[in-house]
């Protein structure tokens, strides 16, 4: 099986997990202010993506700009992959393409220490992406353990571009955050991602 072959809620039983919900997992996480020019560019891209209304357009004009802005704040000291073939745990069928993957290791050609796996929701339906995302999180957890870089928890995200939903996996417990973040809350999204990865070593000044 590949990540895309897993479906919710069966994936919870198949991978021996327990399920819980959290009303607002990132309630106390501060925003990370973004530059006005970035927000203006993102708004233009979001309008274009909504007009074209394809998964590729949403990926290119909504999701990738947010993750690129986030990556740049770390000056290449974290890794970001797009369309990565992630052979997380082939023996268990936990393989496949991640739309995006963020790792705590410096940027390099190979995937190391993944901390966040991000999948785009098909047909703009968050729930449809749950099985794939959970399988990807378990795969990342096993990959980290096998390579001596155990990260706990591992986070997952499902996004339509306009809506972002986060989960995290600690041990065998997967937690589903009931809050959905909107693209216009980009400063909160950047804050959440920063909280997951850790403090920015040398913050890049933002323009007025």
Protein backbone atom coordinates (compact mmCIF):
# COMPACT_ATOMS: atom_id res chain seq x y z
CA UNK A 1 0.00 0.00 0.00
CA UNK A 2 1.01 3.59 -0.57
CA UNK A 3 0.05 6.61 1.53
CA UNK A 4 -2.84 7.27 -0.87
CA UNK A 5 -4.23 3.77 -0.31
CA UNK A 6 -5.03 4.49 3.35
CA UNK A 7 -8.42 5.95 4.19
CA UNK A 8 -9.95 7.38 7.33
CA UNK A 9 -11.19 5.94 9.67
CA UNK A 10 -9.76 2.52 8.72
CA UNK A 11 -6.20 3.87 8.85
CA UNK A 12 -6.44 4.28 12.64
CA UNK A 13 -7.09 0.57 13.13
CA UNK A 14 -4.75 -0.56 10.37
CA UNK A 15 -1.77 1.24 11.87
CA UNK A 16 -2.62 0.45 15.51
CA UNK A 17 -3.30 4.03 16.50
CA UNK A 18 -5.57 5.74 19.00
CA UNK A 19 -7.54 8.86 18.07
CA UNK A 20 -8.20 12.00 20.03
CA UNK A 21 -9.30 15.55 19.28
CA UNK A 22 -8.05 18.87 20.58
CA UNK A 23 -10.30 21.97 20.56
CA UNK A 24 -7.45 24.42 19.78
CA UNK A 25 -3.99 22.88 19.84
CA UNK A 26 -2.15 26.09 18.88
CA UNK A 27 -4.27 28.55 20.87
CA UNK A 28 -1.27 30.04 22.69
CA UNK A 29 1.08 30.10 19.71
CA UNK A 30 1.88 33.70 18.68
CA UNK A 31 1.67 34.93 15.13
CA UNK A 32 4.81 35.44 13.07
CA UNK A 33 4.41 38.78 11.28
CA UNK A 34 4.95 38.68 7.54
CA UNK A 35 5.93 41.49 5.20
CA UNK A 36 3.18 43.57 3.62
CA UNK A 37 4.63 42.91 0.17
CA UNK A 38 4.42 39.15 0.75
CA UNK A 39 0.79 39.38 1.87
CA UNK A 40 -0.10 41.45 -1.19
CA UNK A 41 1.60 38.95 -3.51
CA UNK A 42 -0.11 36.04 -1.75
CA UNK A 43 -3.50 37.74 -2.14
CA UNK A 44 -2.95 38.11 -5.88
CA UNK A 45 -1.91 34.45 -6.16
CA UNK A 46 -4.90 33.31 -4.13
CA UNK A 47 -7.31 35.15 -6.42
CA UNK A 48 -5.67 33.62 -9.48
CA UNK A 49 -5.71 30.11 -7.97
CA UNK A 50 -9.36 30.45 -6.99
CA UNK A 51 -10.22 31.52 -10.53
CA UNK A 52 -8.31 28.64 -12.18
CA UNK A 53 -9.52 26.30 -9.39
CA UNK A 54 -7.23 23.32 -10.03
CA UNK A 55 -5.10 21.45 -7.52
CA UNK A 56 -1.95 22.51 -9.36
CA UNK A 57 -2.94 26.19 -9.28
CA UNK A 58 -3.73 26.05 -5.57
CA UNK A 59 -0.43 24.30 -4.88
CA UNK A 60 1.60 26.83 -6.85
CA UNK A 61 -0.18 30.04 -5.89
CA UNK A 62 -1.40 29.37 -2.34
CA UNK A 63 0.53 26.59 -0.61
CA UNK A 64 4.04 26.91 -2.05
CA UNK A 65 4.36 30.68 -1.39
CA UNK A 66 3.50 30.24 2.31
CA UNK A 67 5.97 27.39 2.74
CA UNK A 68 8.63 29.22 0.73
CA UNK A 69 8.27 32.29 2.95
CA UNK A 70 8.53 30.06 6.01
CA UNK A 71 11.63 28.25 4.68
CA UNK A 72 13.38 31.52 3.86
CA UNK A 73 13.12 32.67 7.47
CA UNK A 74 15.42 29.81 8.46
CA UNK A 75 18.10 30.73 5.87
CA UNK A 76 18.21 27.20 4.52
CA UNK A 77 18.77 25.61 7.93
CA UNK A 78 15.61 23.56 7.51
CA UNK A 79 14.60 21.52 4.48
CA UNK A 80 11.55 21.83 2.28
CA UNK A 81 10.61 19.30 -0.38
CA UNK A 82 7.85 19.46 -2.97
CA UNK A 83 6.45 16.39 -4.71
CA UNK A 84 8.89 14.19 -2.79
CA UNK A 85 8.92 10.42 -3.27
CA UNK A 86 9.12 9.50 0.40
CA UNK A 87 10.15 5.87 0.93
CA UNK A 88 9.38 6.06 4.64
CA UNK A 89 8.81 2.38 5.50
CA UNK A 90 8.60 0.25 2.35
CA UNK A 91 8.16 -3.00 4.30
CA UNK A 92 4.89 -1.67 5.71
CA UNK A 93 3.72 -0.05 2.50
CA UNK A 94 4.27 3.44 3.90
CA UNK A 95 5.62 5.04 0.76
CA UNK A 96 4.51 7.50 -1.83
CA UNK A 97 4.58 11.12 -2.82
CA UNK A 98 4.18 13.91 -0.28
CA UNK A 99 2.94 17.16 -1.78
CA UNK A 100 5.27 18.93 0.66
CA UNK A 101 7.56 17.80 3.44
CA UNK A 102 9.43 19.92 5.99
CA UNK A 103 12.48 18.59 7.81
CA UNK A 104 14.63 19.91 10.64
CA UNK A 105 17.88 19.13 8.79
CA UNK A 106 19.52 21.80 6.60
CA UNK A 107 18.40 21.86 2.98
CA UNK A 108 19.95 19.06 0.91
CA UNK A 109 18.92 16.67 -1.89
CA UNK A 110 17.94 13.82 0.44
CA UNK A 111 15.14 13.71 3.01
CA UNK A 112 16.36 13.74 6.61
CA UNK A 113 14.51 14.17 9.91
CA UNK A 114 11.04 14.99 8.56
CA UNK A 115 8.92 16.89 11.06
CA UNK A 116 5.87 17.87 9.00
CA UNK A 117 4.17 16.10 6.10
CA UNK A 118 1.69 18.12 4.08
CA UNK A 119 -0.87 16.73 1.68
CA UNK A 120 -3.29 18.64 -0.48
CA UNK A 121 -6.91 17.67 -0.06
CA UNK A 122 -8.39 16.12 -3.16
CA UNK A 123 -11.66 17.60 -4.37
CA UNK A 124 -11.06 20.33 -1.77
CA UNK A 125 -12.26 17.95 0.96
CA UNK A 126 -10.15 17.93 4.13
CA UNK A 127 -11.61 14.66 5.44
CA UNK A 128 -10.74 12.87 2.20
CA UNK A 129 -7.08 13.64 2.89
CA UNK A 130 -7.01 12.30 6.46
CA UNK A 131 -6.01 8.71 5.70
CA UNK A 132 -3.13 9.72 3.46
CA UNK A 133 -1.89 12.31 5.95
CA UNK A 134 -2.01 9.95 8.93
CA UNK A 135 -0.16 7.26 6.98
CA UNK A 136 2.46 9.83 6.03
CA UNK A 137 2.91 10.87 9.67
CA UNK A 138 3.39 7.26 10.78
CA UNK A 139 5.84 6.80 7.93
CA UNK A 140 7.79 9.89 9.00
CA UNK A 141 7.84 8.67 12.61
CA UNK A 142 9.27 5.28 11.59
CA UNK A 143 11.72 6.89 9.17
CA UNK A 144 13.04 9.13 11.95
CA UNK A 145 13.39 6.22 14.37
CA UNK A 146 15.21 4.12 11.80
CA UNK A 147 17.68 6.92 11.06
CA UNK A 148 18.34 7.81 14.68
CA UNK A 149 16.52 11.15 14.57
CA UNK A 150 13.40 10.44 16.61
CA UNK A 151 11.12 13.48 16.52
CA UNK A 152 8.12 13.45 18.82
CA UNK A 153 5.58 14.48 17.89
CA UNK A 154 5.47 14.36 14.10
CA UNK A 155 3.00 16.79 12.57
CA UNK A 156 0.77 16.50 9.56
CA UNK A 157 -1.25 19.04 7.63
CA UNK A 158 -4.01 18.79 5.05
CA UNK A 159 -4.72 21.87 2.99
CA UNK A 160 -6.96 23.00 0.18
CA UNK A 161 -4.82 26.12 -0.15
CA UNK A 162 -7.49 28.27 1.45
CA UNK A 163 -8.04 25.98 4.48
CA UNK A 164 -5.27 24.37 6.58
CA UNK A 165 -5.90 21.58 9.11
CA UNK A 166 -3.19 20.22 11.44
CA UNK A 167 -2.70 16.88 13.21
CA UNK A 168 0.12 15.49 15.29
CA UNK A 169 1.31 12.00 16.15
CA UNK A 170 2.95 11.18 19.47
CA UNK A 171 3.68 7.53 20.11
CA UNK A 172 0.59 5.75 18.82
CA UNK A 173 -1.81 8.64 19.49
CA UNK A 174 -2.87 10.85 16.64
CA UNK A 175 -4.45 14.15 17.65
CA UNK A 176 -6.81 16.04 15.36
CA UNK A 177 -6.95 19.80 15.89
CA UNK A 178 -10.55 20.97 15.54
CA UNK A 179 -9.46 24.42 14.40
CA UNK A 180 -9.19 25.16 10.70
CA UNK A 181 -6.88 27.99 9.66
CA UNK A 182 -7.65 30.15 6.66
CA UNK A 183 -5.10 31.42 4.16
CA UNK A 184 -5.79 35.02 5.15
CA UNK A 185 -4.48 34.04 8.63
CA UNK A 186 -1.04 33.60 7.08
CA UNK A 187 0.75 35.16 10.08
CA UNK A 188 -0.86 32.55 12.33
CA UNK A 189 0.09 29.80 9.87
CA UNK A 190 3.71 30.99 9.92
CA UNK A 191 3.54 31.08 13.72
CA UNK A 192 2.24 27.50 13.88
CA UNK A 193 4.95 26.23 11.53
CA UNK A 194 7.62 28.08 13.54
CA UNK A 195 6.26 26.56 16.74
CA UNK A 196 6.50 23.09 15.21
CA UNK A 197 10.05 23.44 13.88
CA UNK A 198 11.48 25.63 16.63
CA UNK A 199 12.73 29.21 17.00
CA UNK A 200 14.13 30.94 13.95
CA UNK A 201 17.94 31.06 14.50
CA UNK A 202 18.39 34.49 12.89
CA UNK A 203 15.10 36.14 11.97
CA UNK A 204 15.07 37.95 8.65
CA UNK A 205 13.80 41.52 9.01
CA UNK A 206 10.46 42.04 7.35
CA UNK A 207 9.68 45.07 5.23
CA UNK A 208 7.04 47.55 6.28
